[in-house]
Amino acid sequence: MNIQKSQTKPFSAKVTIGLEKGYSGNPIDKSLVIRFIQNYQDHLIKDKNIMLSVSLSECTIIFSGQEEPHLNLNFINYPKFPLDETDLKSEIEIMTKSLMSEFKQNRVVIEYLDETIMFEETCQIDPRIKQNNSTQ
C-alpha cells in the first residue's frame, strides 16, 4: 500500500447565508446557490489558479420571532491545494460578498478559528426579530 500523507496548519471558516432574499420572505433555491458557487470556483481556477473547496450544509437560524433556513458553507485549507492563510481568508471574503450581492443578503457572518466577522449592507434588522424598543 502506497498512501501519501499531506498536511497543513489548521484552518476553518464557516459562512452562514440566508435562503430568503433580503427580508422579503421570498425563498432562494439551494440549487441556485450551488450553481453560483460552482461558477465562482471555475472562475477562480481559470483566473487565479485557486482551488477553493466548499462543504455545504443546511441549517435554520432561530432568533426571537425569526425562523429562517440558511446554508453553512465550510472551508478548510485543503492539503491538496494549500493556500497562505491571508490569501485564503481574502478569497473567502470576496466570495462571501459576491454571494451577498447575488442573493440580496443584508448581513452575512464568517466564523474563523481566530475571529468572527460580519459584512453588512445596512443596519436594518429582520422585522420578525422582536426588539426592545423602550428607551431607558
N, C-alpha and C. Protein backbone atom coordinates (compact mmCIF):
# COMPACT_ATOMS: atom_id res chain seq x y z
N MET A 1 0.84 -1.18 0.00
CA MET A 1 0.00 0.00 0.00
C MET A 1 0.89 1.24 0.00
N ASN A 2 0.60 2.17 -0.91
CA ASN A 2 1.40 3.38 -1.04
C ASN A 2 0.51 4.60 -0.81
N ILE A 3 0.28 4.92 0.45
CA ILE A 3 -0.58 6.04 0.80
C ILE A 3 0.29 7.23 1.16
N GLN A 4 0.03 8.35 0.46
CA GLN A 4 0.76 9.59 0.71
C GLN A 4 0.04 10.40 1.79
N LYS A 5 0.80 11.13 2.56
CA LYS A 5 0.23 11.98 3.61
C LYS A 5 0.59 13.43 3.31
N SER A 6 -0.42 14.29 3.37
CA SER A 6 -0.22 15.74 3.22
C SER A 6 -0.88 16.41 4.40
N GLN A 7 -0.36 17.54 4.81
CA GLN A 7 -0.97 18.26 5.93
C GLN A 7 -0.71 19.75 5.81
N THR A 8 -1.59 20.51 6.47
CA THR A 8 -1.44 21.96 6.57
C THR A 8 -1.79 22.35 8.00
N LYS A 9 -1.48 23.60 8.33
CA LYS A 9 -1.89 24.12 9.63
C LYS A 9 -3.41 24.14 9.69
N PRO A 10 -3.99 23.96 10.89
CA PRO A 10 -5.45 24.00 10.99
C PRO A 10 -6.02 25.34 10.52
N PHE A 11 -7.06 25.25 9.74
CA PHE A 11 -7.78 26.43 9.27
C PHE A 11 -9.23 26.01 9.08
N SER A 12 -10.12 26.86 9.50
CA SER A 12 -11.53 26.59 9.32
C SER A 12 -12.27 27.91 9.18
N ALA A 13 -13.23 27.94 8.27
CA ALA A 13 -14.10 29.10 8.12
C ALA A 13 -15.49 28.59 7.83
N LYS A 14 -16.46 29.26 8.43
CA LYS A 14 -17.86 28.92 8.17
C LYS A 14 -18.61 30.20 7.82
N VAL A 15 -19.24 30.20 6.65
CA VAL A 15 -20.07 31.31 6.21
C VAL A 15 -21.52 30.85 6.35
N THR A 16 -22.33 31.67 7.00
CA THR A 16 -23.75 31.36 7.14
C THR A 16 -24.54 32.37 6.32
N ILE A 17 -25.30 31.86 5.35
CA ILE A 17 -26.03 32.73 4.43
C ILE A 17 -27.50 32.30 4.37
N GLY A 18 -28.39 33.28 4.38
CA GLY A 18 -29.82 33.01 4.39
C GLY A 18 -30.35 32.50 3.07
N LEU A 19 -31.46 31.81 3.14
CA LEU A 19 -32.13 31.30 1.94
C LEU A 19 -33.43 32.05 1.67
N GLU A 20 -33.43 33.34 2.04
CA GLU A 20 -34.52 34.24 1.68
C GLU A 20 -33.89 35.53 1.15
N LYS A 21 -34.48 36.09 0.10
CA LYS A 21 -33.97 37.35 -0.45
C LYS A 21 -34.31 38.48 0.50
N GLY A 22 -33.29 39.11 1.03
CA GLY A 22 -33.50 40.21 1.97
C GLY A 22 -34.42 39.78 3.09
N TYR A 23 -35.33 40.63 3.45
CA TYR A 23 -36.30 40.30 4.49
C TYR A 23 -37.69 40.13 3.87
N SER A 24 -37.70 39.70 2.62
CA SER A 24 -38.95 39.60 1.86
C SER A 24 -39.73 38.32 2.13
N GLY A 25 -39.07 37.30 2.64
CA GLY A 25 -39.71 36.01 2.79
C GLY A 25 -39.69 35.19 1.51
N ASN A 26 -39.17 35.77 0.41
CA ASN A 26 -39.08 35.04 -0.86
C ASN A 26 -37.92 34.06 -0.81
N PRO A 27 -38.19 32.77 -1.00
CA PRO A 27 -37.14 31.76 -0.85
C PRO A 27 -36.12 31.78 -1.98
N ILE A 28 -34.92 31.33 -1.65
CA ILE A 28 -33.84 31.12 -2.61
C ILE A 28 -33.63 29.63 -2.70
N ASP A 29 -33.66 29.09 -3.90
CA ASP A 29 -33.46 27.66 -4.08
C ASP A 29 -31.99 27.31 -3.87
N LYS A 30 -31.74 26.30 -3.05
CA LYS A 30 -30.37 25.88 -2.75
C LYS A 30 -29.58 25.58 -4.02
N SER A 31 -30.23 25.03 -5.03
CA SER A 31 -29.53 24.68 -6.27
C SER A 31 -28.94 25.91 -6.96
N LEU A 32 -29.60 27.08 -6.80
CA LEU A 32 -29.07 28.31 -7.38
C LEU A 32 -27.77 28.73 -6.68
N VAL A 33 -27.73 28.54 -5.37
CA VAL A 33 -26.52 28.87 -4.60
C VAL A 33 -25.39 27.92 -5.02
N ILE A 34 -25.70 26.65 -5.14
CA ILE A 34 -24.69 25.66 -5.55
C ILE A 34 -24.15 26.01 -6.93
N ARG A 35 -25.03 26.33 -7.86
CA ARG A 35 -24.60 26.68 -9.22
C ARG A 35 -23.72 27.93 -9.20
N PHE A 36 -24.12 28.94 -8.39
CA PHE A 36 -23.31 30.16 -8.28
C PHE A 36 -21.91 29.83 -7.75
N ILE A 37 -21.84 29.01 -6.71
CA ILE A 37 -20.54 28.64 -6.12
C ILE A 37 -19.69 27.90 -7.15
N GLN A 38 -20.28 26.96 -7.87
CA GLN A 38 -19.51 26.21 -8.87
C GLN A 38 -18.98 27.12 -9.97
N ASN A 39 -19.80 28.05 -10.43
CA ASN A 39 -19.33 29.00 -11.45
C ASN A 39 -18.22 29.88 -10.89
N TYR A 40 -18.39 30.31 -9.64
CA TYR A 40 -17.38 31.14 -8.98
C TYR A 40 -16.06 30.36 -8.88
N GLN A 41 -16.14 29.09 -8.47
CA GLN A 41 -14.95 28.25 -8.36
C GLN A 41 -14.27 28.10 -9.72
N ASP A 42 -15.06 27.91 -10.77
CA ASP A 42 -14.49 27.77 -12.12
C ASP A 42 -13.70 29.02 -12.50
N HIS A 43 -14.24 30.20 -12.16
CA HIS A 43 -13.53 31.45 -12.46
C HIS A 43 -12.27 31.58 -11.61
N LEU A 44 -12.32 31.17 -10.36
CA LEU A 44 -11.13 31.22 -9.51
C LEU A 44 -10.01 30.34 -10.09
N ILE A 45 -10.39 29.17 -10.55
CA ILE A 45 -9.40 28.25 -11.13
C ILE A 45 -8.81 28.85 -12.40
N LYS A 46 -9.68 29.34 -13.27
CA LYS A 46 -9.23 29.89 -14.56
C LYS A 46 -8.43 31.17 -14.39
N ASP A 47 -8.93 32.11 -13.57
CA ASP A 47 -8.32 33.43 -13.47
C ASP A 47 -7.15 33.52 -12.49
N LYS A 48 -7.19 32.72 -11.40
CA LYS A 48 -6.18 32.85 -10.35
C LYS A 48 -5.48 31.54 -10.01
N ASN A 49 -5.88 30.45 -10.66
CA ASN A 49 -5.36 29.12 -10.34
C ASN A 49 -5.53 28.79 -8.85
N ILE A 50 -6.69 29.18 -8.30
CA ILE A 50 -7.00 28.93 -6.90
C ILE A 50 -8.11 27.90 -6.82
N MET A 51 -7.86 26.86 -6.04
CA MET A 51 -8.83 25.80 -5.81
C MET A 51 -9.44 26.04 -4.43
N LEU A 52 -10.74 26.33 -4.39
CA LEU A 52 -11.41 26.66 -3.13
C LEU A 52 -12.61 25.72 -2.96
N SER A 53 -12.39 24.69 -2.16
CA SER A 53 -13.42 23.68 -1.92
C SER A 53 -14.39 24.17 -0.85
N VAL A 54 -15.68 23.82 -1.01
CA VAL A 54 -16.72 24.23 -0.08
C VAL A 54 -17.53 23.01 0.33
N SER A 55 -17.77 22.88 1.62
CA SER A 55 -18.71 21.90 2.14
C SER A 55 -19.98 22.65 2.50
N LEU A 56 -21.12 22.19 2.00
CA LEU A 56 -22.37 22.92 2.19
C LEU A 56 -23.34 22.06 3.01
N SER A 57 -23.96 22.69 4.01
CA SER A 57 -24.99 22.00 4.79
C SER A 57 -26.11 22.99 5.11
N GLU A 58 -27.28 22.44 5.34
CA GLU A 58 -28.44 23.26 5.64
C GLU A 58 -28.62 23.41 7.14
N CYS A 59 -29.13 24.57 7.55
CA CYS A 59 -29.45 24.82 8.95
C CYS A 59 -30.59 25.83 9.01
N THR A 60 -31.08 26.07 10.19
CA THR A 60 -32.12 27.07 10.40
C THR A 60 -31.66 28.02 11.49
N ILE A 61 -31.72 29.31 11.21
CA ILE A 61 -31.40 30.32 12.21
C ILE A 61 -32.69 30.65 12.96
N ILE A 62 -32.62 30.57 14.28
CA ILE A 62 -33.73 30.90 15.15
C ILE A 62 -33.30 32.11 15.97
N PHE A 63 -34.06 33.20 15.86
CA PHE A 63 -33.73 34.39 16.64
C PHE A 63 -35.03 35.12 16.94
N SER A 64 -35.49 34.96 18.16
CA SER A 64 -36.74 35.57 18.60
C SER A 64 -37.86 35.13 17.66
N GLY A 65 -38.48 36.02 16.92
CA GLY A 65 -39.57 35.66 16.01
C GLY A 65 -39.10 35.17 14.65
N GLN A 66 -37.81 35.21 14.41
CA GLN A 66 -37.27 34.79 13.11
C GLN A 66 -36.97 33.29 13.13
N GLU A 67 -37.38 32.63 12.08
CA GLU A 67 -37.01 31.23 11.83
C GLU A 67 -36.76 31.14 10.34
N GLU A 68 -35.48 31.14 9.96
CA GLU A 68 -35.14 31.25 8.54
C GLU A 68 -34.15 30.16 8.14
N PRO A 69 -34.45 29.47 7.03
CA PRO A 69 -33.49 28.49 6.53
C PRO A 69 -32.22 29.19 6.05
N HIS A 70 -31.10 28.57 6.33
CA HIS A 70 -29.79 29.10 5.95
C HIS A 70 -28.93 27.96 5.40
N LEU A 71 -27.84 28.35 4.80
CA LEU A 71 -26.80 27.40 4.40
C LEU A 71 -25.53 27.74 5.16
N ASN A 72 -24.82 26.71 5.60
CA ASN A 72 -23.47 26.87 6.13
C ASN A 72 -22.51 26.43 5.04
N LEU A 73 -21.59 27.31 4.70
CA LEU A 73 -20.52 27.00 3.76
C LEU A 73 -19.26 26.86 4.58
N ASN A 74 -18.68 25.67 4.59
CA ASN A 74 -17.50 25.40 5.40
C ASN A 74 -16.28 25.27 4.51
N PHE A 75 -15.20 25.89 4.96
CA PHE A 75 -13.94 25.91 4.22
C PHE A 75 -12.82 25.40 5.11
N ILE A 76 -11.90 24.67 4.53
CA ILE A 76 -10.65 24.32 5.19
C ILE A 76 -9.52 24.68 4.23
N ASN A 77 -8.31 24.66 4.74
CA ASN A 77 -7.15 24.81 3.85
C ASN A 77 -6.83 23.40 3.35
N TYR A 78 -7.45 23.04 2.25
CA TYR A 78 -7.37 21.69 1.71
C TYR A 78 -5.91 21.35 1.38
N PRO A 79 -5.35 20.31 2.02
CA PRO A 79 -3.92 19.99 1.84
C PRO A 79 -3.51 19.71 0.39
N LYS A 80 -4.43 19.28 -0.45
CA LYS A 80 -4.08 19.01 -1.85
C LYS A 80 -3.78 20.31 -2.60
N PHE A 81 -4.45 21.39 -2.22
CA PHE A 81 -4.28 22.70 -2.87
C PHE A 81 -4.13 23.78 -1.79
N PRO A 82 -3.09 23.74 -0.99
CA PRO A 82 -2.98 24.69 0.13
C PRO A 82 -2.76 26.12 -0.33
N LEU A 83 -3.27 27.04 0.50
CA LEU A 83 -3.08 28.47 0.26
C LEU A 83 -2.54 29.11 1.53
N ASP A 84 -1.87 30.23 1.37
CA ASP A 84 -1.48 31.05 2.51
C ASP A 84 -2.75 31.49 3.22
N GLU A 85 -2.77 31.50 4.54
CA GLU A 85 -3.99 31.82 5.29
C GLU A 85 -4.55 33.20 4.95
N THR A 86 -3.69 34.17 4.75
CA THR A 86 -4.15 35.52 4.39
C THR A 86 -4.87 35.49 3.05
N ASP A 87 -4.32 34.78 2.08
CA ASP A 87 -4.95 34.67 0.77
C ASP A 87 -6.26 33.88 0.86
N LEU A 88 -6.25 32.84 1.67
CA LEU A 88 -7.46 32.03 1.83
C LEU A 88 -8.59 32.86 2.42
N LYS A 89 -8.30 33.60 3.48
CA LYS A 89 -9.32 34.47 4.08
C LYS A 89 -9.81 35.50 3.08
N SER A 90 -8.91 36.09 2.34
CA SER A 90 -9.28 37.10 1.36
C SER A 90 -10.22 36.51 0.31
N GLU A 91 -9.91 35.35 -0.21
CA GLU A 91 -10.75 34.73 -1.24
C GLU A 91 -12.12 34.34 -0.68
N ILE A 92 -12.16 33.86 0.54
CA ILE A 92 -13.44 33.51 1.17
C ILE A 92 -14.29 34.77 1.35
N GLU A 93 -13.66 35.86 1.76
CA GLU A 93 -14.39 37.11 1.97
C GLU A 93 -14.90 37.70 0.65
N ILE A 94 -14.11 37.60 -0.40
CA ILE A 94 -14.56 38.08 -1.71
C ILE A 94 -15.74 37.24 -2.20
N MET A 95 -15.64 35.92 -2.03
CA MET A 95 -16.74 35.04 -2.43
C MET A 95 -18.00 35.36 -1.61
N THR A 96 -17.83 35.59 -0.33
CA THR A 96 -18.97 35.90 0.54
C THR A 96 -19.67 37.17 0.08
N LYS A 97 -18.92 38.20 -0.23
CA LYS A 97 -19.51 39.45 -0.71
C LYS A 97 -20.24 39.24 -2.04
N SER A 98 -19.69 38.39 -2.90
CA SER A 98 -20.35 38.08 -4.17
C SER A 98 -21.67 37.35 -3.94
N LEU A 99 -21.67 36.41 -2.99
CA LEU A 99 -22.90 35.70 -2.64
C LEU A 99 -23.94 36.66 -2.06
N MET A 100 -23.49 37.58 -1.20
CA MET A 100 -24.39 38.57 -0.63
C MET A 100 -25.07 39.38 -1.72
N SER A 101 -24.30 39.84 -2.65
CA SER A 101 -24.82 40.66 -3.73
C SER A 101 -25.79 39.86 -4.61
N GLU A 102 -25.37 38.68 -5.00
CA GLU A 102 -26.18 37.85 -5.90
C GLU A 102 -27.53 37.47 -5.29
N PHE A 103 -27.52 37.17 -3.99
CA PHE A 103 -28.74 36.66 -3.34
C PHE A 103 -29.38 37.66 -2.39
N LYS A 104 -29.02 38.93 -2.55
CA LYS A 104 -29.67 40.03 -1.82
C LYS A 104 -29.70 39.81 -0.31
N GLN A 105 -28.53 39.56 0.25
CA GLN A 105 -28.40 39.36 1.68
C GLN A 105 -27.90 40.65 2.33
N ASN A 106 -28.56 41.08 3.38
CA ASN A 106 -28.16 42.30 4.08
C ASN A 106 -26.96 42.06 5.00
N ARG A 107 -26.91 40.88 5.58
CA ARG A 107 -25.89 40.60 6.60
C ARG A 107 -25.44 39.16 6.48
N VAL A 108 -24.13 38.93 6.52
CA VAL A 108 -23.57 37.59 6.48
C VAL A 108 -22.40 37.54 7.46
N VAL A 109 -22.30 36.41 8.15
CA VAL A 109 -21.25 36.22 9.15
C VAL A 109 -20.27 35.15 8.67
N ILE A 110 -18.98 35.40 8.94
CA ILE A 110 -17.94 34.41 8.70
C ILE A 110 -17.28 34.10 10.04
N GLU A 111 -17.25 32.84 10.39
CA GLU A 111 -16.58 32.40 11.62
C GLU A 111 -15.25 31.74 11.24
N TYR A 112 -14.17 32.34 11.70
CA TYR A 112 -12.84 31.75 11.57
C TYR A 112 -12.45 31.17 12.93
N LEU A 113 -11.34 30.45 12.98
CA LEU A 113 -10.86 29.93 14.26
C LEU A 113 -10.43 31.06 15.19
N ASP A 114 -9.95 32.17 14.62
CA ASP A 114 -9.40 33.25 15.43
C ASP A 114 -10.25 34.52 15.49
N GLU A 115 -11.36 34.58 14.73
CA GLU A 115 -12.20 35.76 14.75
C GLU A 115 -13.54 35.47 14.06
N THR A 116 -14.52 36.27 14.36
CA THR A 116 -15.80 36.23 13.69
C THR A 116 -16.04 37.61 13.10
N ILE A 117 -16.35 37.66 11.80
CA ILE A 117 -16.58 38.94 11.15
C ILE A 117 -17.97 38.96 10.53
N MET A 118 -18.48 40.14 10.34
CA MET A 118 -19.79 40.30 9.74
C MET A 118 -19.70 41.35 8.65
N PHE A 119 -20.29 41.03 7.50
CA PHE A 119 -20.46 42.01 6.45
C PHE A 119 -21.93 42.44 6.48
N GLU A 120 -22.15 43.74 6.35
CA GLU A 120 -23.50 44.27 6.50
C GLU A 120 -23.71 45.40 5.49
N GLU A 121 -24.80 45.30 4.73
CA GLU A 121 -25.17 46.35 3.79
C GLU A 121 -25.77 47.54 4.53
N THR A 122 -26.77 47.27 5.38
CA THR A 122 -27.44 48.32 6.15
C THR A 122 -27.63 47.83 7.58
N CYS A 123 -28.03 48.72 8.47
CA CYS A 123 -28.27 48.33 9.86
C CYS A 123 -29.67 47.77 10.06
N GLN A 124 -30.44 47.64 8.98
CA GLN A 124 -31.81 47.11 9.05
C GLN A 124 -31.80 45.72 9.68
N ILE A 125 -32.82 45.44 10.50
CA ILE A 125 -32.99 44.15 11.16
C ILE A 125 -34.24 43.48 10.61
N ASP A 126 -34.19 42.18 10.46
CA ASP A 126 -35.36 41.41 10.02
C ASP A 126 -36.55 41.78 10.90
N PRO A 127 -37.66 42.22 10.31
CA PRO A 127 -38.81 42.66 11.11
C PRO A 127 -39.43 41.56 11.96
N ARG A 128 -39.11 40.30 11.70
CA ARG A 128 -39.62 39.20 12.52
C ARG A 128 -38.92 39.10 13.87
N ILE A 129 -37.75 39.74 13.98
CA ILE A 129 -36.99 39.69 15.24
C ILE A 129 -37.58 40.70 16.20
N LYS A 130 -38.00 40.21 17.33
CA LYS A 130 -38.58 41.09 18.35
C LYS A 130 -37.45 41.86 19.03
N GLN A 131 -37.64 43.16 19.17
CA GLN A 131 -36.63 44.01 19.79
C GLN A 131 -37.27 44.80 20.93
N ASN A 132 -36.46 45.15 21.88
CA ASN A 132 -36.91 46.01 22.97
C ASN A 132 -36.80 47.43 22.48
N ASN A 133 -37.92 48.07 22.21
CA ASN A 133 -37.93 49.42 21.67
C ASN A 133 -38.08 50.49 22.72
N SER A 134 -38.01 50.09 23.99
CA SER A 134 -38.14 51.09 25.06
C SER A 134 -36.85 51.90 25.20
N THR A 135 -36.99 53.13 25.58
CA THR A 135 -35.83 53.97 25.82
C THR A 135 -35.68 54.18 27.31
N GLN A 136 -34.67 53.57 27.86
CA GLN A 136 -34.47 53.63 29.31
C GLN A 136 -33.35 54.56 29.66
